[in-house]
């Protein structure tokens, strides 16, 4: 499956956020600031996960309109877990 460039761009931003958090820790920044950035990182990762699932479901439904029920059910279960 071919994923969009948007996914790569989001992952690159997440990588930058991660490096920024590491820098904050090594600089001894305030815990609350670090936790706030970790929360943003978590939200960004969840967003990428949703987009990946959305793109995969779109492809899955096109490729396997009636035979992909098992994959679709597994993906729906994963979507449910994203909210936890």
PDB file of N, CA and C in Angstrom:
ATOM      1  N   UNK A   1       0.843  -1.183   0.000  1.00  0.00           N
ATOM      2  CA  UNK A   1       0.000   0.000   0.000  1.00  0.00           C
ATOM      3  C   UNK A   1       0.882   1.239   0.000  1.00  0.00           C
ATOM      4  N   UNK A   2       0.469   2.233  -0.733  1.00  0.00           N
ATOM      5  CA  UNK A   2       1.194   3.496  -0.814  1.00  0.00           C
ATOM      6  C   UNK A   2       0.490   4.517   0.080  1.00  0.00           C
ATOM      7  N   UNK A   3       1.201   5.045   1.063  1.00  0.00           N
ATOM      8  CA  UNK A   3       0.625   6.055   1.947  1.00  0.00           C
ATOM      9  C   UNK A   3       0.948   7.447   1.410  1.00  0.00           C
ATOM     10  N   UNK A   4       0.164   8.423   1.807  1.00  0.00           N
ATOM     11  CA  UNK A   4       0.340   9.773   1.295  1.00  0.00           C
ATOM     12  C   UNK A   4       1.557  10.457   1.902  1.00  0.00           C
ATOM     13  N   UNK A   5       2.020  11.489   1.227  1.00  0.00           N
ATOM     14  CA  UNK A   5       3.132  12.296   1.719  1.00  0.00           C
ATOM     15  C   UNK A   5       2.746  12.981   3.027  1.00  0.00           C
ATOM     16  N   UNK A   6       1.462  13.226   3.210  1.00  0.00           N
ATOM     17  CA  UNK A   6       0.980  13.853   4.441  1.00  0.00           C
ATOM     18  C   UNK A   6       1.390  13.028   5.667  1.00  0.00           C
ATOM     19  N   UNK A   7       1.334  11.713   5.561  1.00  0.00           N
ATOM     20  CA  UNK A   7       1.732  10.842   6.673  1.00  0.00           C
ATOM     21  C   UNK A   7       3.209  11.056   6.991  1.00  0.00           C
ATOM     22  N   UNK A   8       4.043  11.078   5.964  1.00  0.00           N
ATOM     23  CA  UNK A   8       5.480  11.290   6.165  1.00  0.00           C
ATOM     24  C   UNK A   8       5.727  12.657   6.788  1.00  0.00           C
ATOM     25  N   UNK A   9       5.031  13.669   6.318  1.00  0.00           N
ATOM     26  CA  UNK A   9       5.197  15.014   6.882  1.00  0.00           C
ATOM     27  C   UNK A   9       4.823  15.047   8.358  1.00  0.00           C
ATOM     28  N   UNK A  10       3.738  14.398   8.713  1.00  0.00           N
ATOM     29  CA  UNK A  10       3.322  14.356  10.123  1.00  0.00           C
ATOM     30  C   UNK A  10       4.347  13.613  10.973  1.00  0.00           C
ATOM     31  N   UNK A  11       4.865  12.511  10.442  1.00  0.00           N
ATOM     32  CA  UNK A  11       5.879  11.752  11.187  1.00  0.00           C
ATOM     33  C   UNK A  11       7.157  12.571  11.361  1.00  0.00           C
ATOM     34  N   UNK A  12       7.508  13.362  10.364  1.00  0.00           N
ATOM     35  CA  UNK A  12       8.676  14.238  10.496  1.00  0.00           C
ATOM     36  C   UNK A  12       8.461  15.283  11.583  1.00  0.00           C
ATOM     37  N   UNK A  13       7.243  15.820  11.670  1.00  0.00           N
ATOM     38  CA  UNK A  13       6.939  16.781  12.744  1.00  0.00           C
ATOM     39  C   UNK A  13       7.020  16.103  14.110  1.00  0.00           C
ATOM     40  N   UNK A  14       6.522  14.875  14.191  1.00  0.00           N
ATOM     41  CA  UNK A  14       6.586  14.139  15.452  1.00  0.00           C
ATOM     42  C   UNK A  14       8.047  13.901  15.846  1.00  0.00           C
ATOM     43  N   UNK A  15       8.862  13.567  14.871  1.00  0.00           N
ATOM     44  CA  UNK A  15      10.294  13.382  15.142  1.00  0.00           C
ATOM     45  C   UNK A  15      10.903  14.673  15.696  1.00  0.00           C
ATOM     46  N   UNK A  16      10.541  15.806  15.115  1.00  0.00           N
ATOM     47  CA  UNK A  16      11.030  17.090  15.614  1.00  0.00           C
ATOM     48  C   UNK A  16      10.537  17.380  17.021  1.00  0.00           C
ATOM     49  N   UNK A  17       9.266  17.057  17.285  1.00  0.00           N
ATOM     50  CA  UNK A  17       8.725  17.241  18.634  1.00  0.00           C
ATOM     51  C   UNK A  17       9.499  16.395  19.644  1.00  0.00           C
ATOM     52  N   UNK A  18       9.807  15.167  19.258  1.00  0.00           N
ATOM     53  CA  UNK A  18      10.524  14.265  20.154  1.00  0.00           C
ATOM     54  C   UNK A  18      11.905  14.828  20.477  1.00  0.00           C
ATOM     55  N   UNK A  19      12.606  15.307  19.458  1.00  0.00           N
ATOM     56  CA  UNK A  19      13.922  15.912  19.697  1.00  0.00           C
ATOM     57  C   UNK A  19      13.806  17.138  20.596  1.00  0.00           C
ATOM     58  N   UNK A  20      12.746  17.922  20.382  1.00  0.00           N
ATOM     59  CA  UNK A  20      12.525  19.097  21.229  1.00  0.00           C
ATOM     60  C   UNK A  20      12.304  18.721  22.680  1.00  0.00           C
ATOM     61  N   UNK A  21      11.560  17.655  22.917  1.00  0.00           N
ATOM     62  CA  UNK A  21      11.311  17.194  24.291  1.00  0.00           C
ATOM     63  C   UNK A  21      12.605  16.697  24.917  1.00  0.00           C
ATOM     64  N   UNK A  22      13.401  15.973  24.158  1.00  0.00           N
ATOM     65  CA  UNK A  22      14.693  15.511  24.675  1.00  0.00           C
ATOM     66  C   UNK A  22      15.552  16.697  25.082  1.00  0.00           C
ATOM     67  N   UNK A  23      15.555  17.736  24.266  1.00  0.00           N
ATOM     68  CA  UNK A  23      16.339  18.930  24.569  1.00  0.00           C
ATOM     69  C   UNK A  23      15.821  19.605  25.841  1.00  0.00           C
ATOM     70  N   UNK A  24      14.495  19.667  25.971  1.00  0.00           N
ATOM     71  CA  UNK A  24      13.910  20.264  27.174  1.00  0.00           C
ATOM     72  C   UNK A  24      14.372  19.519  28.421  1.00  0.00           C
ATOM     73  N   UNK A  25      14.420  18.198  28.340  1.00  0.00           N
ATOM     74  CA  UNK A  25      14.833  17.387  29.488  1.00  0.00           C
ATOM     75  C   UNK A  25      16.296  17.638  29.813  1.00  0.00           C
ATOM     76  N   UNK A  26      17.153  17.641  28.783  1.00  0.00           N
ATOM     77  CA  UNK A  26      18.586  17.842  29.043  1.00  0.00           C
ATOM     78  C   UNK A  26      18.872  19.251  29.550  1.00  0.00           C
ATOM     79  N   UNK A  27      18.035  20.209  29.181  1.00  0.00           N
ATOM     80  CA  UNK A  27      18.202  21.587  29.665  1.00  0.00           C
ATOM     81  C   UNK A  27      17.593  21.795  31.045  1.00  0.00           C
ATOM     82  N   UNK A  28      16.896  20.783  31.563  1.00  0.00           N
ATOM     83  CA  UNK A  28      16.308  20.887  32.892  1.00  0.00           C
ATOM     84  C   UNK A  28      15.071  21.756  32.944  1.00  0.00           C
ATOM     85  N   UNK A  29      14.308  21.792  31.865  1.00  0.00           N
ATOM     86  CA  UNK A  29      13.093  22.605  31.832  1.00  0.00           C
ATOM     87  C   UNK A  29      12.072  22.088  32.839  1.00  0.00           C
ATOM     88  N   UNK A  30      11.102  22.917  33.133  1.00  0.00           N
ATOM     89  CA  UNK A  30      10.054  22.594  34.100  1.00  0.00           C
ATOM     90  C   UNK A  30       9.274  21.350  33.682  1.00  0.00           C
ATOM     91  N   UNK A  31       8.945  20.532  34.652  1.00  0.00           N
ATOM     92  CA  UNK A  31       8.222  19.287  34.425  1.00  0.00           C
ATOM     93  C   UNK A  31       6.891  19.537  33.711  1.00  0.00           C
ATOM     94  N   UNK A  32       6.160  20.559  34.138  1.00  0.00           N
ATOM     95  CA  UNK A  32       4.859  20.832  33.526  1.00  0.00           C
ATOM     96  C   UNK A  32       4.996  21.166  32.047  1.00  0.00           C
ATOM     97  N   UNK A  33       6.047  21.897  31.682  1.00  0.00           N
ATOM     98  CA  UNK A  33       6.281  22.211  30.266  1.00  0.00           C
ATOM     99  C   UNK A  33       6.559  20.938  29.471  1.00  0.00           C
ATOM    100  N   UNK A  34       7.342  20.053  30.048  1.00  0.00           N
ATOM    101  CA  UNK A  34       7.690  18.794  29.372  1.00  0.00           C
ATOM    102  C   UNK A  34       6.447  17.929  29.208  1.00  0.00           C
ATOM    103  N   UNK A  35       5.664  17.822  30.260  1.00  0.00           N
ATOM    104  CA  UNK A  35       4.449  17.011  30.197  1.00  0.00           C
ATOM    105  C   UNK A  35       3.479  17.578  29.162  1.00  0.00           C
ATOM    106  N   UNK A  36       3.392  18.901  29.080  1.00  0.00           N
ATOM    107  CA  UNK A  36       2.525  19.524  28.073  1.00  0.00           C
ATOM    108  C   UNK A  36       2.986  19.144  26.674  1.00  0.00           C
ATOM    109  N   UNK A  37       4.280  19.141  26.432  1.00  0.00           N
ATOM    110  CA  UNK A  37       4.803  18.755  25.121  1.00  0.00           C
ATOM    111  C   UNK A  37       4.598  17.262  24.849  1.00  0.00           C
ATOM    112  N   UNK A  38       4.717  16.442  25.896  1.00  0.00           N
ATOM    113  CA  UNK A  38       4.460  15.005  25.737  1.00  0.00           C
ATOM    114  C   UNK A  38       2.997  14.764  25.363  1.00  0.00           C
ATOM    115  N   UNK A  39       2.102  15.544  25.947  1.00  0.00           N
ATOM    116  CA  UNK A  39       0.673  15.435  25.620  1.00  0.00           C
ATOM    117  C   UNK A  39       0.448  15.803  24.150  1.00  0.00           C
ATOM    118  N   UNK A  40       1.125  16.850  23.677  1.00  0.00           N
ATOM    119  CA  UNK A  40       1.008  17.244  22.267  1.00  0.00           C
ATOM    120  C   UNK A  40       1.564  16.147  21.365  1.00  0.00           C
ATOM    121  N   UNK A  41       2.668  15.529  21.785  1.00  0.00           N
ATOM    122  CA  UNK A  41       3.267  14.437  21.014  1.00  0.00           C
ATOM    123  C   UNK A  41       2.307  13.254  20.935  1.00  0.00           C
ATOM    124  N   UNK A  42       1.684  12.944  22.043  1.00  0.00           N
ATOM    125  CA  UNK A  42       0.714  11.849  22.086  1.00  0.00           C
ATOM    126  C   UNK A  42      -0.460  12.126  21.144  1.00  0.00           C
ATOM    127  N   UNK A  43      -0.927  13.351  21.144  1.00  0.00           N
ATOM    128  CA  UNK A  43      -2.033  13.735  20.265  1.00  0.00           C
ATOM    129  C   UNK A  43      -1.624  13.632  18.795  1.00  0.00           C
ATOM    130  N   UNK A  44      -0.413  14.057  18.482  1.00  0.00           N
ATOM    131  CA  UNK A  44       0.077  13.986  17.106  1.00  0.00           C
ATOM    132  C   UNK A  44       0.200  12.536  16.647  1.00  0.00           C
ATOM    133  N   UNK A  45       0.688  11.659  17.522  1.00  0.00           N
ATOM    134  CA  UNK A  45       0.819  10.241  17.170  1.00  0.00           C
ATOM    135  C   UNK A  45      -0.555   9.623  16.949  1.00  0.00           C
ATOM    136  N   UNK A  46      -1.516  10.001  17.771  1.00  0.00           N
ATOM    137  CA  UNK A  46      -2.882   9.488  17.608  1.00  0.00           C
ATOM    138  C   UNK A  46      -3.470   9.961  16.276  1.00  0.00           C
ATOM    139  N   UNK A  47      -3.172  11.194  15.919  1.00  0.00           N
ATOM    140  CA  UNK A  47      -3.661  11.743  14.664  1.00  0.00           C
ATOM    141  C   UNK A  47      -3.091  10.985  13.468  1.00  0.00           C
ATOM    142  N   UNK A  48      -1.803  10.664  13.513  1.00  0.00           N
ATOM    143  CA  UNK A  48      -1.185   9.895  12.433  1.00  0.00           C
ATOM    144  C   UNK A  48      -1.803   8.505  12.365  1.00  0.00           C
ATOM    145  N   UNK A  49      -2.029   7.900  13.507  1.00  0.00           N
ATOM    146  CA  UNK A  49      -2.638   6.570  13.532  1.00  0.00           C
ATOM    147  C   UNK A  49      -4.006   6.590  12.876  1.00  0.00           C
ATOM    148  N   UNK A  50      -4.803   7.589  13.211  1.00  0.00           N
ATOM    149  CA  UNK A  50      -6.137   7.694  12.610  1.00  0.00           C
ATOM    150  C   UNK A  50      -6.051   7.861  11.093  1.00  0.00           C
ATOM    151  N   UNK A  51      -5.113   8.703  10.649  1.00  0.00           N
ATOM    152  CA  UNK A  51      -4.977   8.937   9.214  1.00  0.00           C
ATOM    153  C   UNK A  51      -4.519   7.674   8.491  1.00  0.00           C
ATOM    154  N   UNK A  52      -3.590   6.942   9.093  1.00  0.00           N
ATOM    155  CA  UNK A  52      -3.155   5.683   8.498  1.00  0.00           C
ATOM    156  C   UNK A  52      -4.312   4.706   8.368  1.00  0.00           C
ATOM    157  N   UNK A  53      -5.094   4.589   9.410  1.00  0.00           N
ATOM    158  CA  UNK A  53      -6.240   3.684   9.387  1.00  0.00           C
ATOM    159  C   UNK A  53      -7.255   4.149   8.340  1.00  0.00           C
ATOM    160  N   UNK A  54      -7.494   5.458   8.270  1.00  0.00           N
ATOM    161  CA  UNK A  54      -8.432   5.998   7.297  1.00  0.00           C
ATOM    162  C   UNK A  54      -7.995   5.663   5.871  1.00  0.00           C
ATOM    163  N   UNK A  55      -6.703   5.886   5.590  1.00  0.00           N
ATOM    164  CA  UNK A  55      -6.200   5.587   4.251  1.00  0.00           C
ATOM    165  C   UNK A  55      -6.254   4.090   3.966  1.00  0.00           C
ATOM    166  N   UNK A  56      -5.890   3.290   4.953  1.00  0.00           N
ATOM    167  CA  UNK A  56      -5.904   1.844   4.748  1.00  0.00           C
ATOM    168  C   UNK A  56      -7.323   1.336   4.519  1.00  0.00           C
ATOM    169  N   UNK A  57      -8.258   1.831   5.321  1.00  0.00           N
ATOM    170  CA  UNK A  57      -9.653   1.426   5.141  1.00  0.00           C
ATOM    171  C   UNK A  57     -10.161   1.803   3.760  1.00  0.00           C
ATOM    172  N   UNK A  58      -9.826   2.987   3.303  1.00  0.00           N
ATOM    173  CA  UNK A  58     -10.237   3.407   1.971  1.00  0.00           C
ATOM    174  C   UNK A  58      -9.709   2.457   0.914  1.00  0.00           C
ATOM    175  N   UNK A  59      -8.443   2.091   1.032  1.00  0.00           N
ATOM    176  CA  UNK A  59      -7.837   1.162   0.075  1.00  0.00           C
ATOM    177  C   UNK A  59      -8.445  -0.232   0.223  1.00  0.00           C
ATOM    178  N   UNK A  60      -8.653  -0.653   1.450  1.00  0.00           N
ATOM    179  CA  UNK A  60      -9.189  -1.983   1.721  1.00  0.00           C
ATOM    180  C   UNK A  60     -10.596  -2.119   1.141  1.00  0.00           C
ATOM    181  N   UNK A  61     -11.396  -1.099   1.293  1.00  0.00           N
ATOM    182  CA  UNK A  61     -12.761  -1.150   0.786  1.00  0.00           C
ATOM    183  C   UNK A  61     -12.789  -1.157  -0.736  1.00  0.00           C
ATOM    184  N   UNK A  62     -11.824  -0.487  -1.359  1.00  0.00           N
ATOM    185  CA  UNK A  62     -11.760  -0.470  -2.821  1.00  0.00           C
ATOM    186  C   UNK A  62     -11.280  -1.819  -3.337  1.00  0.00           C
ATOM    187  N   UNK A  63     -10.252  -2.365  -2.686  1.00  0.00           N
ATOM    188  CA  UNK A  63      -9.664  -3.634  -3.135  1.00  0.00           C
ATOM    189  C   UNK A  63     -10.548  -4.823  -2.838  1.00  0.00           C
ATOM    190  N   UNK A  64     -11.158  -4.835  -1.664  1.00  0.00           N
ATOM    191  CA  UNK A  64     -11.909  -6.005  -1.198  1.00  0.00           C
ATOM    192  C   UNK A  64     -13.295  -5.570  -0.723  1.00  0.00           C
ATOM    193  N   UNK A  65     -14.163  -5.161  -1.637  1.00  0.00           N
ATOM    194  CA  UNK A  65     -15.455  -4.637  -1.211  1.00  0.00           C
ATOM    195  C   UNK A  65     -16.265  -5.578  -0.329  1.00  0.00           C
ATOM    196  N   UNK A  66     -16.176  -6.883  -0.563  1.00  0.00           N
ATOM    197  CA  UNK A  66     -16.984  -7.786   0.259  1.00  0.00           C
ATOM    198  C   UNK A  66     -16.138  -8.813   0.999  1.00  0.00           C
ATOM    199  N   UNK A  67     -14.876  -8.989   0.624  1.00  0.00           N
ATOM    200  CA  UNK A  67     -14.066 -10.035   1.224  1.00  0.00           C
ATOM    201  C   UNK A  67     -13.109  -9.569   2.297  1.00  0.00           C
ATOM    202  N   UNK A  68     -13.082  -8.283   2.587  1.00  0.00           N
ATOM    203  CA  UNK A  68     -12.114  -7.766   3.547  1.00  0.00           C
ATOM    204  C   UNK A  68     -12.679  -7.562   4.932  1.00  0.00           C
ATOM    205  N   UNK A  69     -13.755  -8.272   5.269  1.00  0.00           N
ATOM    206  CA  UNK A  69     -14.416  -8.063   6.552  1.00  0.00           C
ATOM    207  C   UNK A  69     -13.495  -8.296   7.740  1.00  0.00           C
ATOM    208  N   UNK A  70     -12.623  -9.300   7.674  1.00  0.00           N
ATOM    209  CA  UNK A  70     -11.725  -9.584   8.796  1.00  0.00           C
ATOM    210  C   UNK A  70     -10.771  -8.429   9.020  1.00  0.00           C
ATOM    211  N   UNK A  71     -10.149  -7.936   7.958  1.00  0.00           N
ATOM    212  CA  UNK A  71      -9.246  -6.790   8.081  1.00  0.00           C
ATOM    213  C   UNK A  71      -9.974  -5.556   8.591  1.00  0.00           C
ATOM    214  N   UNK A  72     -11.159  -5.323   8.069  1.00  0.00           N
ATOM    215  CA  UNK A  72     -11.926  -4.155   8.482  1.00  0.00           C
ATOM    216  C   UNK A  72     -12.284  -4.249   9.962  1.00  0.00           C
ATOM    217  N   UNK A  73     -12.699  -5.405  10.429  1.00  0.00           N
ATOM    218  CA  UNK A  73     -13.030  -5.568  11.844  1.00  0.00           C
ATOM    219  C   UNK A  73     -11.812  -5.360  12.730  1.00  0.00           C
ATOM    220  N   UNK A  74     -10.646  -5.858  12.294  1.00  0.00           N
ATOM    221  CA  UNK A  74      -9.411  -5.647  13.062  1.00  0.00           C
ATOM    222  C   UNK A  74      -9.071  -4.160  13.124  1.00  0.00           C
ATOM    223  N   UNK A  75      -9.247  -3.461  12.014  1.00  0.00           N
ATOM    224  CA  UNK A  75      -8.965  -2.027  11.985  1.00  0.00           C
ATOM    225  C   UNK A  75      -9.940  -1.251  12.863  1.00  0.00           C
ATOM    226  N   UNK A  76     -11.189  -1.626  12.826  1.00  0.00           N
ATOM    227  CA  UNK A  76     -12.166  -0.952  13.683  1.00  0.00           C
ATOM    228  C   UNK A  76     -11.832  -1.148  15.159  1.00  0.00           C
ATOM    229  N   UNK A  77     -11.357  -2.324  15.515  1.00  0.00           N
ATOM    230  CA  UNK A  77     -10.940  -2.570  16.897  1.00  0.00           C
ATOM    231  C   UNK A  77      -9.758  -1.685  17.256  1.00  0.00           C
ATOM    232  N   UNK A  78      -8.825  -1.498  16.322  1.00  0.00           N
ATOM    233  CA  UNK A  78      -7.688  -0.617  16.570  1.00  0.00           C
ATOM    234  C   UNK A  78      -8.124   0.838  16.749  1.00  0.00           C
ATOM    235  N   UNK A  79      -9.094   1.242  15.935  1.00  0.00           N
ATOM    236  CA  UNK A  79      -9.611   2.612  16.063  1.00  0.00           C
ATOM    237  C   UNK A  79     -10.179   2.816  17.459  1.00  0.00           C
ATOM    238  N   UNK A  80     -10.927   1.843  17.949  1.00  0.00           N
ATOM    239  CA  UNK A  80     -11.478   1.931  19.294  1.00  0.00           C
ATOM    240  C   UNK A  80     -10.381   2.106  20.337  1.00  0.00           C
ATOM    241  N   UNK A  81      -9.256   1.418  20.147  1.00  0.00           N
ATOM    242  CA  UNK A  81      -8.147   1.490  21.101  1.00  0.00           C
ATOM    243  C   UNK A  81      -7.432   2.839  21.052  1.00  0.00           C
ATOM    244  N   UNK A  82      -7.498   3.546  19.935  1.00  0.00           N
ATOM    245  CA  UNK A  82      -6.841   4.839  19.817  1.00  0.00           C
ATOM    246  C   UNK A  82      -7.402   5.839  20.817  1.00  0.00           C
ATOM    247  N   UNK A  83      -8.628   5.671  21.190  1.00  0.00           N
ATOM    248  CA  UNK A  83      -9.269   6.600  22.099  1.00  0.00           C
ATOM    249  C   UNK A  83      -8.902   6.365  23.559  1.00  0.00           C
ATOM    250  N   UNK A  84      -8.248   5.253  23.845  1.00  0.00           N
ATOM    251  CA  UNK A  84      -7.917   4.918  25.240  1.00  0.00           C
ATOM    252  C   UNK A  84      -6.752   5.729  25.732  1.00  0.00           C
TER     253      UNK A  84
END
